[in-house]
Amino acid sequence: MNFIEFVKNFKKDIDYTKTGMMLFHNGVVRGTSRQGDKVTNIQVKKDDKKIKEIIKEIENLKGITKADAYVFEGEFSIGDDLMYAAVAGDIRDNVFPALQKLVNTIKKEAVFKKEIIEK
């Protein structure tokens, strides 16, 4: 899966009579930890069942017409893609917070990562 494929697949089967906005997220491996340590790579595991549950929760939010996410699993280097996420909906007041909630909830509840720090 690449980002272009993700976007094309997401845009299929959207009810454009109720959709005025789509937002996309492309999370990548950052070169430093939140504490400022140099990261050499990252290991990621995911819970696909939980990700699907989170997507359904987002799709039930006010004004949201579609949500989706794809999380990569394995070991990754700096700059590699880690997550694609998307939300479509009626207006930006509903779509922006929904995308933020989708990404944050997946990272908190369905993704387990280990940063490898340079020593």
PDB file of N, CA and C in Angstrom:
ATOM      1  N   MET A   1       0.858  -1.184   0.000  1.00  0.00           N
ATOM      2  CA  MET A   1       0.000   0.000   0.000  1.00  0.00           C
ATOM      3  C   MET A   1       0.896   1.237   0.000  1.00  0.00           C
ATOM      4  N   ASN A   2       0.575   2.168  -0.878  1.00  0.00           N
ATOM      5  CA  ASN A   2       1.251   3.457  -0.839  1.00  0.00           C
ATOM      6  C   ASN A   2       0.195   4.548  -0.668  1.00  0.00           C
ATOM      7  N   PHE A   3       0.646   5.777  -0.420  1.00  0.00           N
ATOM      8  CA  PHE A   3      -0.288   6.854  -0.093  1.00  0.00           C
ATOM      9  C   PHE A   3      -1.249   7.158  -1.238  1.00  0.00           C
ATOM     10  N   ILE A   4      -0.764   7.114  -2.481  1.00  0.00           N
ATOM     11  CA  ILE A   4      -1.626   7.387  -3.640  1.00  0.00           C
ATOM     12  C   ILE A   4      -2.758   6.351  -3.717  1.00  0.00           C
ATOM     13  N   GLU A   5      -2.409   5.075  -3.528  1.00  0.00           N
ATOM     14  CA  GLU A   5      -3.428   4.010  -3.531  1.00  0.00           C
ATOM     15  C   GLU A   5      -4.434   4.228  -2.403  1.00  0.00           C
ATOM     16  N   PHE A   6      -3.919   4.590  -1.226  1.00  0.00           N
ATOM     17  CA  PHE A   6      -4.792   4.819  -0.080  1.00  0.00           C
ATOM     18  C   PHE A   6      -5.808   5.919  -0.392  1.00  0.00           C
ATOM     19  N   VAL A   7      -5.340   7.026  -0.960  1.00  0.00           N
ATOM     20  CA  VAL A   7      -6.232   8.146  -1.296  1.00  0.00           C
ATOM     21  C   VAL A   7      -7.259   7.716  -2.343  1.00  0.00           C
ATOM     22  N   LYS A   8      -6.818   7.040  -3.396  1.00  0.00           N
ATOM     23  CA  LYS A   8      -7.743   6.594  -4.447  1.00  0.00           C
ATOM     24  C   LYS A   8      -8.816   5.669  -3.883  1.00  0.00           C
ATOM     25  N   ASN A   9      -8.395   4.714  -3.050  1.00  0.00           N
ATOM     26  CA  ASN A   9      -9.365   3.788  -2.443  1.00  0.00           C
ATOM     27  C   ASN A   9     -10.330   4.515  -1.516  1.00  0.00           C
ATOM     28  N   PHE A  10      -9.797   5.479  -0.771  1.00  0.00           N
ATOM     29  CA  PHE A  10     -10.647   6.216   0.165  1.00  0.00           C
ATOM     30  C   PHE A  10     -11.735   7.004  -0.569  1.00  0.00           C
ATOM     31  N   LYS A  11     -11.383   7.584  -1.694  1.00  0.00           N
ATOM     32  CA  LYS A  11     -12.320   8.454  -2.413  1.00  0.00           C
ATOM     33  C   LYS A  11     -13.446   7.687  -3.106  1.00  0.00           C
ATOM     34  N   LYS A  12     -13.330   6.365  -3.181  1.00  0.00           N
ATOM     35  CA  LYS A  12     -14.401   5.551  -3.748  1.00  0.00           C
ATOM     36  C   LYS A  12     -15.553   5.454  -2.748  1.00  0.00           C
ATOM     37  N   ASP A  13     -16.745   5.386  -3.260  1.00  0.00           N
ATOM     38  CA  ASP A  13     -17.943   5.118  -2.444  1.00  0.00           C
ATOM     39  C   ASP A  13     -18.208   6.168  -1.359  1.00  0.00           C
ATOM     40  N   ILE A  14     -17.875   7.400  -1.633  1.00  0.00           N
ATOM     41  CA  ILE A  14     -18.188   8.489  -0.702  1.00  0.00           C
ATOM     42  C   ILE A  14     -19.482   9.146  -1.164  1.00  0.00           C
ATOM     43  N   ASP A  15     -20.330   9.476  -0.222  1.00  0.00           N
ATOM     44  CA  ASP A  15     -21.567  10.194  -0.537  1.00  0.00           C
ATOM     45  C   ASP A  15     -21.235  11.677  -0.658  1.00  0.00           C
ATOM     46  N   TYR A  16     -21.011  12.110  -1.894  1.00  0.00           N
ATOM     47  CA  TYR A  16     -20.606  13.490  -2.125  1.00  0.00           C
ATOM     48  C   TYR A  16     -21.763  14.479  -1.965  1.00  0.00           C
ATOM     49  N   THR A  17     -22.974  13.994  -1.775  1.00  0.00           N
ATOM     50  CA  THR A  17     -24.075  14.919  -1.471  1.00  0.00           C
ATOM     51  C   THR A  17     -23.969  15.416  -0.033  1.00  0.00           C
ATOM     52  N   LYS A  18     -23.201  14.684   0.805  1.00  0.00           N
ATOM     53  CA  LYS A  18     -23.042  15.048   2.209  1.00  0.00           C
ATOM     54  C   LYS A  18     -21.587  15.353   2.576  1.00  0.00           C
ATOM     55  N   THR A  19     -20.689  15.281   1.591  1.00  0.00           N
ATOM     56  CA  THR A  19     -19.256  15.446   1.857  1.00  0.00           C
ATOM     57  C   THR A  19     -18.728  16.691   1.176  1.00  0.00           C
ATOM     58  N   GLY A  20     -18.159  17.580   1.980  1.00  0.00           N
ATOM     59  CA  GLY A  20     -17.565  18.790   1.432  1.00  0.00           C
ATOM     60  C   GLY A  20     -16.089  18.908   1.732  1.00  0.00           C
ATOM     61  N   MET A  21     -15.534  17.910   2.446  1.00  0.00           N
ATOM     62  CA  MET A  21     -14.125  17.993   2.825  1.00  0.00           C
ATOM     63  C   MET A  21     -13.573  16.608   3.098  1.00  0.00           C
ATOM     64  N   MET A  22     -12.316  16.414   2.714  1.00  0.00           N
ATOM     65  CA  MET A  22     -11.562  15.211   3.054  1.00  0.00           C
ATOM     66  C   MET A  22     -10.213  15.647   3.593  1.00  0.00           C
ATOM     67  N   LEU A  23      -9.792  15.017   4.660  1.00  0.00           N
ATOM     68  CA  LEU A  23      -8.460  15.281   5.224  1.00  0.00           C
ATOM     69  C   LEU A  23      -7.669  13.982   5.254  1.00  0.00           C
ATOM     70  N   PHE A  24      -6.376  14.095   4.957  1.00  0.00           N
ATOM     71  CA  PHE A  24      -5.497  12.933   4.927  1.00  0.00           C
ATOM     72  C   PHE A  24      -4.282  13.173   5.821  1.00  0.00           C
ATOM     73  N   HIS A  25      -3.840  12.103   6.451  1.00  0.00           N
ATOM     74  CA  HIS A  25      -2.673  12.136   7.334  1.00  0.00           C
ATOM     75  C   HIS A  25      -1.679  11.096   6.841  1.00  0.00           C
ATOM     76  N   ASN A  26      -0.401  11.448   6.796  1.00  0.00           N
ATOM     77  CA  ASN A  26       0.671  10.517   6.453  1.00  0.00           C
ATOM     78  C   ASN A  26       1.726  10.600   7.555  1.00  0.00           C
ATOM     79  N   GLY A  27       1.664   9.691   8.509  1.00  0.00           N
ATOM     80  CA  GLY A  27       2.631   9.657   9.598  1.00  0.00           C
ATOM     81  C   GLY A  27       3.900   8.946   9.159  1.00  0.00           C
ATOM     82  N   VAL A  28       5.051   9.512   9.502  1.00  0.00           N
ATOM     83  CA  VAL A  28       6.352   8.948   9.126  1.00  0.00           C
ATOM     84  C   VAL A  28       7.255   8.811  10.348  1.00  0.00           C
ATOM     85  N   VAL A  29       8.319   8.030  10.195  1.00  0.00           N
ATOM     86  CA  VAL A  29       9.297   7.855  11.269  1.00  0.00           C
ATOM     87  C   VAL A  29      10.110   9.140  11.394  1.00  0.00           C
ATOM     88  N   ARG A  30      10.048   9.709  12.574  1.00  0.00           N
ATOM     89  CA  ARG A  30      10.779  10.940  12.881  1.00  0.00           C
ATOM     90  C   ARG A  30      12.190  10.576  13.362  1.00  0.00           C
ATOM     91  N   GLY A  31      13.157  11.431  13.100  1.00  0.00           N
ATOM     92  CA  GLY A  31      14.557  11.175  13.450  1.00  0.00           C
ATOM     93  C   GLY A  31      14.914  11.405  14.903  1.00  0.00           C
ATOM     94  N   THR A  32      13.975  11.962  15.674  1.00  0.00           N
ATOM     95  CA  THR A  32      14.227  12.183  17.100  1.00  0.00           C
ATOM     96  C   THR A  32      13.000  11.761  17.905  1.00  0.00           C
ATOM     97  N   SER A  33      13.264  11.338  19.130  1.00  0.00           N
ATOM     98  CA  SER A  33      12.169  11.006  20.036  1.00  0.00           C
ATOM     99  C   SER A  33      11.549  12.297  20.560  1.00  0.00           C
ATOM    100  N   ARG A  34      10.446  12.192  21.257  1.00  0.00           N
ATOM    101  CA  ARG A  34       9.836  13.383  21.871  1.00  0.00           C
ATOM    102  C   ARG A  34      10.772  14.023  22.894  1.00  0.00           C
ATOM    103  N   GLN A  35      11.682  13.223  23.440  1.00  0.00           N
ATOM    104  CA  GLN A  35      12.639  13.743  24.416  1.00  0.00           C
ATOM    105  C   GLN A  35      13.882  14.320  23.743  1.00  0.00           C
ATOM    106  N   GLY A  36      13.977  14.213  22.424  1.00  0.00           N
ATOM    107  CA  GLY A  36      15.102  14.773  21.704  1.00  0.00           C
ATOM    108  C   GLY A  36      16.231  13.800  21.405  1.00  0.00           C
ATOM    109  N   ASP A  37      16.075  12.542  21.795  1.00  0.00           N
ATOM    110  CA  ASP A  37      17.104  11.539  21.508  1.00  0.00           C
ATOM    111  C   ASP A  37      17.071  11.172  20.029  1.00  0.00           C
ATOM    112  N   LYS A  38      18.245  10.828  19.477  1.00  0.00           N
ATOM    113  CA  LYS A  38      18.324  10.438  18.073  1.00  0.00           C
ATOM    114  C   LYS A  38      17.789   9.011  17.900  1.00  0.00           C
ATOM    115  N   VAL A  39      16.802   8.875  17.017  1.00  0.00           N
ATOM    116  CA  VAL A  39      16.185   7.578  16.730  1.00  0.00           C
ATOM    117  C   VAL A  39      16.849   6.992  15.492  1.00  0.00           C
ATOM    118  N   THR A  40      17.238   5.711  15.564  1.00  0.00           N
ATOM    119  CA  THR A  40      17.828   5.059  14.392  1.00  0.00           C
ATOM    120  C   THR A  40      16.771   4.308  13.583  1.00  0.00           C
ATOM    121  N   ASN A  41      15.814   3.704  14.273  1.00  0.00           N
ATOM    122  CA  ASN A  41      14.684   3.051  13.616  1.00  0.00           C
ATOM    123  C   ASN A  41      13.586   2.811  14.640  1.00  0.00           C
ATOM    124  N   ILE A  42      12.475   2.226  14.168  1.00  0.00           N
ATOM    125  CA  ILE A  42      11.330   2.015  15.049  1.00  0.00           C
ATOM    126  C   ILE A  42      10.694   0.669  14.724  1.00  0.00           C
ATOM    127  N   GLN A  43      10.195   0.016  15.749  1.00  0.00           N
ATOM    128  CA  GLN A  43       9.480  -1.249  15.581  1.00  0.00           C
ATOM    129  C   GLN A  43       8.016  -0.995  15.927  1.00  0.00           C
ATOM    130  N   VAL A  44       7.109  -1.487  15.065  1.00  0.00           N
ATOM    131  CA  VAL A  44       5.681  -1.216  15.240  1.00  0.00           C
ATOM    132  C   VAL A  44       4.883  -2.521  15.161  1.00  0.00           C
ATOM    133  N   LYS A  45       3.960  -2.674  16.102  1.00  0.00           N
ATOM    134  CA  LYS A  45       2.960  -3.743  16.063  1.00  0.00           C
ATOM    135  C   LYS A  45       1.604  -3.051  16.118  1.00  0.00           C
ATOM    136  N   LYS A  46       0.601  -3.703  15.528  1.00  0.00           N
ATOM    137  CA  LYS A  46      -0.728  -3.091  15.478  1.00  0.00           C
ATOM    138  C   LYS A  46      -1.799  -4.104  15.817  1.00  0.00           C
ATOM    139  N   ASP A  47      -2.956  -3.594  16.204  1.00  0.00           N
ATOM    140  CA  ASP A  47      -4.129  -4.400  16.498  1.00  0.00           C
ATOM    141  C   ASP A  47      -5.196  -4.023  15.465  1.00  0.00           C
ATOM    142  N   ASP A  48      -5.277  -4.801  14.379  1.00  0.00           N
ATOM    143  CA  ASP A  48      -6.202  -4.484  13.292  1.00  0.00           C
ATOM    144  C   ASP A  48      -7.657  -4.455  13.742  1.00  0.00           C
ATOM    145  N   LYS A  49      -8.030  -5.341  14.638  1.00  0.00           N
ATOM    146  CA  LYS A  49      -9.417  -5.369  15.127  1.00  0.00           C
ATOM    147  C   LYS A  49      -9.748  -4.052  15.833  1.00  0.00           C
ATOM    148  N   LYS A  50      -8.854  -3.588  16.671  1.00  0.00           N
ATOM    149  CA  LYS A  50      -9.073  -2.331  17.393  1.00  0.00           C
ATOM    150  C   LYS A  50      -9.091  -1.149  16.431  1.00  0.00           C
ATOM    151  N   ILE A  51      -8.240  -1.172  15.420  1.00  0.00           N
ATOM    152  CA  ILE A  51      -8.230  -0.093  14.429  1.00  0.00           C
ATOM    153  C   ILE A  51      -9.582  -0.010  13.731  1.00  0.00           C
ATOM    154  N   LYS A  52     -10.149  -1.145  13.354  1.00  0.00           N
ATOM    155  CA  LYS A  52     -11.470  -1.159  12.713  1.00  0.00           C
ATOM    156  C   LYS A  52     -12.546  -0.605  13.643  1.00  0.00           C
ATOM    157  N   GLU A  53     -12.471  -0.943  14.924  1.00  0.00           N
ATOM    158  CA  GLU A  53     -13.434  -0.413  15.901  1.00  0.00           C
ATOM    159  C   GLU A  53     -13.323   1.108  16.007  1.00  0.00           C
ATOM    160  N   ILE A  54     -12.111   1.611  16.035  1.00  0.00           N
ATOM    161  CA  ILE A  54     -11.883   3.058  16.137  1.00  0.00           C
ATOM    162  C   ILE A  54     -12.423   3.767  14.901  1.00  0.00           C
ATOM    163  N   ILE A  55     -12.186   3.197  13.729  1.00  0.00           N
ATOM    164  CA  ILE A  55     -12.700   3.784  12.481  1.00  0.00           C
ATOM    165  C   ILE A  55     -14.221   3.884  12.536  1.00  0.00           C
ATOM    166  N   LYS A  56     -14.878   2.822  13.004  1.00  0.00           N
ATOM    167  CA  LYS A  56     -16.351   2.845  13.107  1.00  0.00           C
ATOM    168  C   LYS A  56     -16.817   3.930  14.079  1.00  0.00           C
ATOM    169  N   GLU A  57     -16.101   4.097  15.178  1.00  0.00           N
ATOM    170  CA  GLU A  57     -16.445   5.152  16.138  1.00  0.00           C
ATOM    171  C   GLU A  57     -16.363   6.533  15.480  1.00  0.00           C
ATOM    172  N   ILE A  58     -15.329   6.751  14.705  1.00  0.00           N
ATOM    173  CA  ILE A  58     -15.157   8.044  14.039  1.00  0.00           C
ATOM    174  C   ILE A  58     -16.264   8.261  13.016  1.00  0.00           C
ATOM    175  N   GLU A  59     -16.621   7.211  12.291  1.00  0.00           N
ATOM    176  CA  GLU A  59     -17.679   7.335  11.279  1.00  0.00           C
ATOM    177  C   GLU A  59     -19.042   7.658  11.896  1.00  0.00           C
ATOM    178  N   ASN A  60     -19.187   7.415  13.181  1.00  0.00           N
ATOM    179  CA  ASN A  60     -20.444   7.733  13.869  1.00  0.00           C
ATOM    180  C   ASN A  60     -20.483   9.151  14.438  1.00  0.00           C
ATOM    181  N   LEU A  61     -19.380   9.896  14.280  1.00  0.00           N
ATOM    182  CA  LEU A  61     -19.369  11.274  14.764  1.00  0.00           C
ATOM    183  C   LEU A  61     -20.219  12.174  13.867  1.00  0.00           C
ATOM    184  N   LYS A  62     -20.694  13.251  14.436  1.00  0.00           N
ATOM    185  CA  LYS A  62     -21.529  14.212  13.710  1.00  0.00           C
ATOM    186  C   LYS A  62     -20.816  14.710  12.449  1.00  0.00           C
ATOM    187  N   GLY A  63     -21.516  14.598  11.308  1.00  0.00           N
ATOM    188  CA  GLY A  63     -21.033  15.150  10.049  1.00  0.00           C
ATOM    189  C   GLY A  63     -20.016  14.312   9.306  1.00  0.00           C
ATOM    190  N   ILE A  64     -19.592  13.190   9.864  1.00  0.00           N
ATOM    191  CA  ILE A  64     -18.555  12.370   9.225  1.00  0.00           C
ATOM    192  C   ILE A  64     -19.222  11.345   8.303  1.00  0.00           C
ATOM    193  N   THR A  65     -18.739  11.304   7.057  1.00  0.00           N
ATOM    194  CA  THR A  65     -19.303  10.394   6.066  1.00  0.00           C
ATOM    195  C   THR A  65     -18.427   9.165   5.810  1.00  0.00           C
ATOM    196  N   LYS A  66     -17.135   9.266   6.117  1.00  0.00           N
ATOM    197  CA  LYS A  66     -16.248   8.117   5.929  1.00  0.00           C
ATOM    198  C   LYS A  66     -14.953   8.352   6.694  1.00  0.00           C
ATOM    199  N   ALA A  67     -14.383   7.260   7.200  1.00  0.00           N
ATOM    200  CA  ALA A  67     -13.070   7.304   7.850  1.00  0.00           C
ATOM    201  C   ALA A  67     -12.334   6.021   7.490  1.00  0.00           C
ATOM    202  N   ASP A  68     -11.025   6.097   7.474  1.00  0.00           N
ATOM    203  CA  ASP A  68     -10.220   4.908   7.216  1.00  0.00           C
ATOM    204  C   ASP A  68      -8.797   5.154   7.711  1.00  0.00           C
ATOM    205  N   ALA A  69      -8.079   4.063   7.919  1.00  0.00           N
ATOM    206  CA  ALA A  69      -6.682   4.163   8.336  1.00  0.00           C
ATOM    207  C   ALA A  69      -5.953   2.896   7.931  1.00  0.00           C
ATOM    208  N   TYR A  70      -4.671   3.054   7.677  1.00  0.00           N
ATOM    209  CA  TYR A  70      -3.799   1.919   7.391  1.00  0.00           C
ATOM    210  C   TYR A  70      -2.518   2.131   8.188  1.00  0.00           C
ATOM    211  N   VAL A  71      -2.182   1.139   9.009  1.00  0.00           N
ATOM    212  CA  VAL A  71      -0.974   1.213   9.831  1.00  0.00           C
ATOM    213  C   VAL A  71      -0.010   0.125   9.368  1.00  0.00           C
ATOM    214  N   PHE A  72       1.224   0.516   9.126  1.00  0.00           N
ATOM    215  CA  PHE A  72       2.255  -0.434   8.733  1.00  0.00           C
ATOM    216  C   PHE A  72       2.789  -1.128   9.983  1.00  0.00           C
ATOM    217  N   GLU A  73       3.200  -2.387   9.811  1.00  0.00           N
ATOM    218  CA  GLU A  73       3.730  -3.161  10.925  1.00  0.00           C
ATOM    219  C   GLU A  73       5.106  -3.693  10.540  1.00  0.00           C
ATOM    220  N   GLY A  74       6.031  -3.670  11.504  1.00  0.00           N
ATOM    221  CA  GLY A  74       7.376  -4.173  11.251  1.00  0.00           C
ATOM    222  C   GLY A  74       8.424  -3.219  11.777  1.00  0.00           C
ATOM    223  N   GLU A  75       9.595  -3.240  11.133  1.00  0.00           N
ATOM    224  CA  GLU A  75      10.692  -2.364  11.532  1.00  0.00           C
ATOM    225  C   GLU A  75      10.929  -1.345  10.426  1.00  0.00           C
ATOM    226  N   PHE A  76      11.089  -0.072  10.813  1.00  0.00           N
ATOM    227  CA  PHE A  76      11.145   1.016   9.851  1.00  0.00           C
ATOM    228  C   PHE A  76      12.300   1.965  10.149  1.00  0.00           C
ATOM    229  N   SER A  77      12.750   2.635   9.078  1.00  0.00           N
ATOM    230  CA  SER A  77      13.838   3.606   9.159  1.00  0.00           C
ATOM    231  C   SER A  77      13.291   5.024   9.110  1.00  0.00           C
ATOM    232  N   ILE A  78      14.126   5.974   9.404  1.00  0.00           N
ATOM    233  CA  ILE A  78      13.758   7.389   9.380  1.00  0.00           C
ATOM    234  C   ILE A  78      13.143   7.736   8.024  1.00  0.00           C
ATOM    235  N   GLY A  79      12.007   8.406   8.059  1.00  0.00           N
ATOM    236  CA  GLY A  79      11.329   8.830   6.842  1.00  0.00           C
ATOM    237  C   GLY A  79      10.346   7.833   6.270  1.00  0.00           C
ATOM    238  N   ASP A  80      10.364   6.592   6.748  1.00  0.00           N
ATOM    239  CA  ASP A  80       9.412   5.590   6.245  1.00  0.00           C
ATOM    240  C   ASP A  80       7.993   5.932   6.693  1.00  0.00           C
ATOM    241  N   ASP A  81       7.033   5.589   5.857  1.00  0.00           N
ATOM    242  CA  ASP A  81       5.619   5.760   6.209  1.00  0.00           C
ATOM    243  C   ASP A  81       5.238   4.786   7.311  1.00  0.00           C
ATOM    244  N   LEU A  82       4.451   5.274   8.277  1.00  0.00           N
ATOM    245  CA  LEU A  82       3.963   4.439   9.374  1.00  0.00           C
ATOM    246  C   LEU A  82       2.445   4.316   9.380  1.00  0.00           C
ATOM    247  N   MET A  83       1.761   5.408   9.057  1.00  0.00           N
ATOM    248  CA  MET A  83       0.299   5.387   9.115  1.00  0.00           C
ATOM    249  C   MET A  83      -0.282   6.329   8.083  1.00  0.00           C
ATOM    250  N   TYR A  84      -1.339   5.851   7.437  1.00  0.00           N
ATOM    251  CA  TYR A  84      -2.184   6.705   6.610  1.00  0.00           C
ATOM    252  C   TYR A  84      -3.539   6.755   7.294  1.00  0.00           C
ATOM    253  N   ALA A  85      -4.131   7.921   7.344  1.00  0.00           N
ATOM    254  CA  ALA A  85      -5.464   8.060   7.922  1.00  0.00           C
ATOM    255  C   ALA A  85      -6.227   9.105   7.122  1.00  0.00           C
ATOM    256  N   ALA A  86      -7.536   8.942   7.083  1.00  0.00           N
ATOM    257  CA  ALA A  86      -8.369   9.878   6.327  1.00  0.00           C
ATOM    258  C   ALA A  86      -9.747   9.970   6.949  1.00  0.00           C
ATOM    259  N   VAL A  87     -10.307  11.165   6.841  1.00  0.00           N
ATOM    260  CA  VAL A  87     -11.678  11.401   7.287  1.00  0.00           C
ATOM    261  C   VAL A  87     -12.347  12.308   6.269  1.00  0.00           C
ATOM    262  N   ALA A  88     -13.580  11.959   5.916  1.00  0.00           N
ATOM    263  CA  ALA A  88     -14.397  12.793   5.036  1.00  0.00           C
ATOM    264  C   ALA A  88     -15.647  13.194   5.810  1.00  0.00           C
ATOM    265  N   GLY A  89     -16.147  14.396   5.493  1.00  0.00           N
ATOM    266  CA  GLY A  89     -17.345  14.846   6.178  1.00  0.00           C
ATOM    267  C   GLY A  89     -17.895  16.113   5.579  1.00  0.00           C
ATOM    268  N   ASP A  90     -18.870  16.640   6.279  1.00  0.00           N
ATOM    269  CA  ASP A  90     -19.611  17.779   5.750  1.00  0.00           C
ATOM    270  C   ASP A  90     -18.819  19.083   5.769  1.00  0.00           C
ATOM    271  N   ILE A  91     -18.323  19.477   6.935  1.00  0.00           N
ATOM    272  CA  ILE A  91     -17.643  20.769   7.072  1.00  0.00           C
ATOM    273  C   ILE A  91     -16.393  20.613   7.931  1.00  0.00           C
ATOM    274  N   ARG A  92     -15.485  21.574   7.810  1.00  0.00           N
ATOM    275  CA  ARG A  92     -14.199  21.476   8.513  1.00  0.00           C
ATOM    276  C   ARG A  92     -14.356  21.450  10.034  1.00  0.00           C
ATOM    277  N   ASP A  93     -15.392  22.094  10.554  1.00  0.00           N
ATOM    278  CA  ASP A  93     -15.592  22.090  12.005  1.00  0.00           C
ATOM    279  C   ASP A  93     -15.798  20.677  12.546  1.00  0.00           C
ATOM    280  N   ASN A  94     -16.268  19.768  11.704  1.00  0.00           N
ATOM    281  CA  ASN A  94     -16.440  18.373  12.103  1.00  0.00           C
ATOM    282  C   ASN A  94     -15.272  17.490  11.664  1.00  0.00           C
ATOM    283  N   VAL A  95     -14.697  17.777  10.503  1.00  0.00           N
ATOM    284  CA  VAL A  95     -13.684  16.894   9.928  1.00  0.00           C
ATOM    285  C   VAL A  95     -12.319  17.037  10.602  1.00  0.00           C
ATOM    286  N   PHE A  96     -11.861  18.264  10.859  1.00  0.00           N
ATOM    287  CA  PHE A  96     -10.549  18.446  11.501  1.00  0.00           C
ATOM    288  C   PHE A  96     -10.462  17.719  12.842  1.00  0.00           C
ATOM    289  N   PRO A  97     -11.412  17.925  13.764  1.00  0.00           N
ATOM    290  CA  PRO A  97     -11.302  17.216  15.046  1.00  0.00           C
ATOM    291  C   PRO A  97     -11.446  15.700  14.908  1.00  0.00           C
ATOM    292  N   ALA A  98     -12.219  15.246  13.918  1.00  0.00           N
ATOM    293  CA  ALA A  98     -12.393  13.803  13.725  1.00  0.00           C
ATOM    294  C   ALA A  98     -11.089  13.152  13.278  1.00  0.00           C
ATOM    295  N   LEU A  99     -10.353  13.808  12.388  1.00  0.00           N
ATOM    296  CA  LEU A  99      -9.075  13.247  11.948  1.00  0.00           C
ATOM    297  C   LEU A  99      -8.090  13.208  13.116  1.00  0.00           C
ATOM    298  N   GLN A 100      -8.044  14.260  13.894  1.00  0.00           N
ATOM    299  CA  GLN A 100      -7.148  14.285  15.052  1.00  0.00           C
ATOM    300  C   GLN A 100      -7.511  13.173  16.037  1.00  0.00           C
ATOM    301  N   LYS A 101      -8.795  12.987  16.268  1.00  0.00           N
ATOM    302  CA  LYS A 101      -9.240  11.926  17.185  1.00  0.00           C
ATOM    303  C   LYS A 101      -8.892  10.551  16.614  1.00  0.00           C
ATOM    304  N   LEU A 102      -9.078  10.354  15.318  1.00  0.00           N
ATOM    305  CA  LEU A 102      -8.749   9.074  14.686  1.00  0.00           C
ATOM    306  C   LEU A 102      -7.272   8.737  14.880  1.00  0.00           C
ATOM    307  N   VAL A 103      -6.403   9.657  14.530  1.00  0.00           N
ATOM    308  CA  VAL A 103      -4.957   9.415  14.635  1.00  0.00           C
ATOM    309  C   VAL A 103      -4.542   9.214  16.089  1.00  0.00           C
ATOM    310  N   ASN A 104      -4.981  10.085  16.968  1.00  0.00           N
ATOM    311  CA  ASN A 104      -4.588   9.981  18.373  1.00  0.00           C
ATOM    312  C   ASN A 104      -5.083   8.701  19.026  1.00  0.00           C
ATOM    313  N   THR A 105      -6.308   8.307  18.722  1.00  0.00           N
ATOM    314  CA  THR A 105      -6.870   7.099  19.336  1.00  0.00           C
ATOM    315  C   THR A 105      -6.174   5.851  18.821  1.00  0.00           C
ATOM    316  N   ILE A 106      -5.909   5.792  17.532  1.00  0.00           N
ATOM    317  CA  ILE A 106      -5.174   4.643  16.987  1.00  0.00           C
ATOM    318  C   ILE A 106      -3.804   4.548  17.641  1.00  0.00           C
ATOM    319  N   LYS A 107      -3.089   5.663  17.709  1.00  0.00           N
ATOM    320  CA  LYS A 107      -1.745   5.636  18.301  1.00  0.00           C
ATOM    321  C   LYS A 107      -1.789   5.230  19.772  1.00  0.00           C
ATOM    322  N   LYS A 108      -2.826   5.663  20.477  1.00  0.00           N
ATOM    323  CA  LYS A 108      -2.927   5.378  21.913  1.00  0.00           C
ATOM    324  C   LYS A 108      -3.421   3.955  22.209  1.00  0.00           C
ATOM    325  N   GLU A 109      -4.383   3.470  21.403  1.00  0.00           N
ATOM    326  CA  GLU A 109      -5.061   2.222  21.755  1.00  0.00           C
ATOM    327  C   GLU A 109      -4.774   1.027  20.850  1.00  0.00           C
ATOM    328  N   ALA A 110      -4.185   1.245  19.670  1.00  0.00           N
ATOM    329  CA  ALA A 110      -4.067   0.127  18.724  1.00  0.00           C
ATOM    330  C   ALA A 110      -2.678  -0.046  18.125  1.00  0.00           C
ATOM    331  N   VAL A 111      -1.741   0.820  18.477  1.00  0.00           N
ATOM    332  CA  VAL A 111      -0.390   0.736  17.928  1.00  0.00           C
ATOM    333  C   VAL A 111       0.603   0.669  19.080  1.00  0.00           C
ATOM    334  N   PHE A 112       1.538  -0.241  18.938  1.00  0.00           N
ATOM    335  CA  PHE A 112       2.562  -0.428  19.958  1.00  0.00           C
ATOM    336  C   PHE A 112       3.906  -0.236  19.268  1.00  0.00           C
ATOM    337  N   LYS A 113       4.647   0.795  19.687  1.00  0.00           N
ATOM    338  CA  LYS A 113       5.902   1.090  19.004  1.00  0.00           C
ATOM    339  C   LYS A 113       7.062   1.121  19.987  1.00  0.00           C
ATOM    340  N   LYS A 114       8.221   0.799  19.441  1.00  0.00           N
ATOM    341  CA  LYS A 114       9.457   0.851  20.219  1.00  0.00           C
ATOM    342  C   LYS A 114      10.472   1.607  19.375  1.00  0.00           C
ATOM    343  N   GLU A 115      10.917   2.741  19.884  1.00  0.00           N
ATOM    344  CA  GLU A 115      11.941   3.526  19.196  1.00  0.00           C
ATOM    345  C   GLU A 115      13.309   2.964  19.578  1.00  0.00           C
ATOM    346  N   ILE A 116      14.148   2.780  18.580  1.00  0.00           N
ATOM    347  CA  ILE A 116      15.521   2.353  18.828  1.00  0.00           C
ATOM    348  C   ILE A 116      16.365   3.617  18.860  1.00  0.00           C
ATOM    349  N   ILE A 117      16.955   3.912  20.007  1.00  0.00           N
ATOM    350  CA  ILE A 117      17.699   5.145  20.250  1.00  0.00           C
ATOM    351  C   ILE A 117      19.190   4.907  20.015  1.00  0.00           C
ATOM    352  N   GLU A 118      19.829   5.873  19.326  1.00  0.00           N
ATOM    353  CA  GLU A 118      21.272   5.789  19.098  1.00  0.00           C
ATOM    354  C   GLU A 118      21.990   6.034  20.415  1.00  0.00           C
ATOM    355  N   LYS A 119      22.980   5.209  20.684  1.00  0.00           N
ATOM    356  CA  LYS A 119      23.726   5.341  21.958  1.00  0.00           C
ATOM    357  C   LYS A 119      25.050   5.988  21.742  1.00  0.00           C
TER     358      LYS A 119
END
